[in-house]
């Protein structure tokens, strides 16, 4: 694994943000894939046995899902 990737995974940047802030940042960076990115980060945190970080990223995903639900359906019922 490249050193830069290892350092980015281990960086505790998530400790400085609230889930809503992290969701906005992910949304700006990843667009429609922000939820998938949050779940990936939660999965990796769990694999690293960092329960606190995993819970944080799951909270970010929940915020993103709430925001998407509030925005309404992406397609009209007529398709």
Foldseek 3Di string as FASTA:
>chain_A
DDPVVVCVLPDVPLVVDALVVQLVVLCVVPPPCSLVVLCVSLVVCVVVVNNVRNVRSVVNSVVNVVVVVVVPDPDDPVD
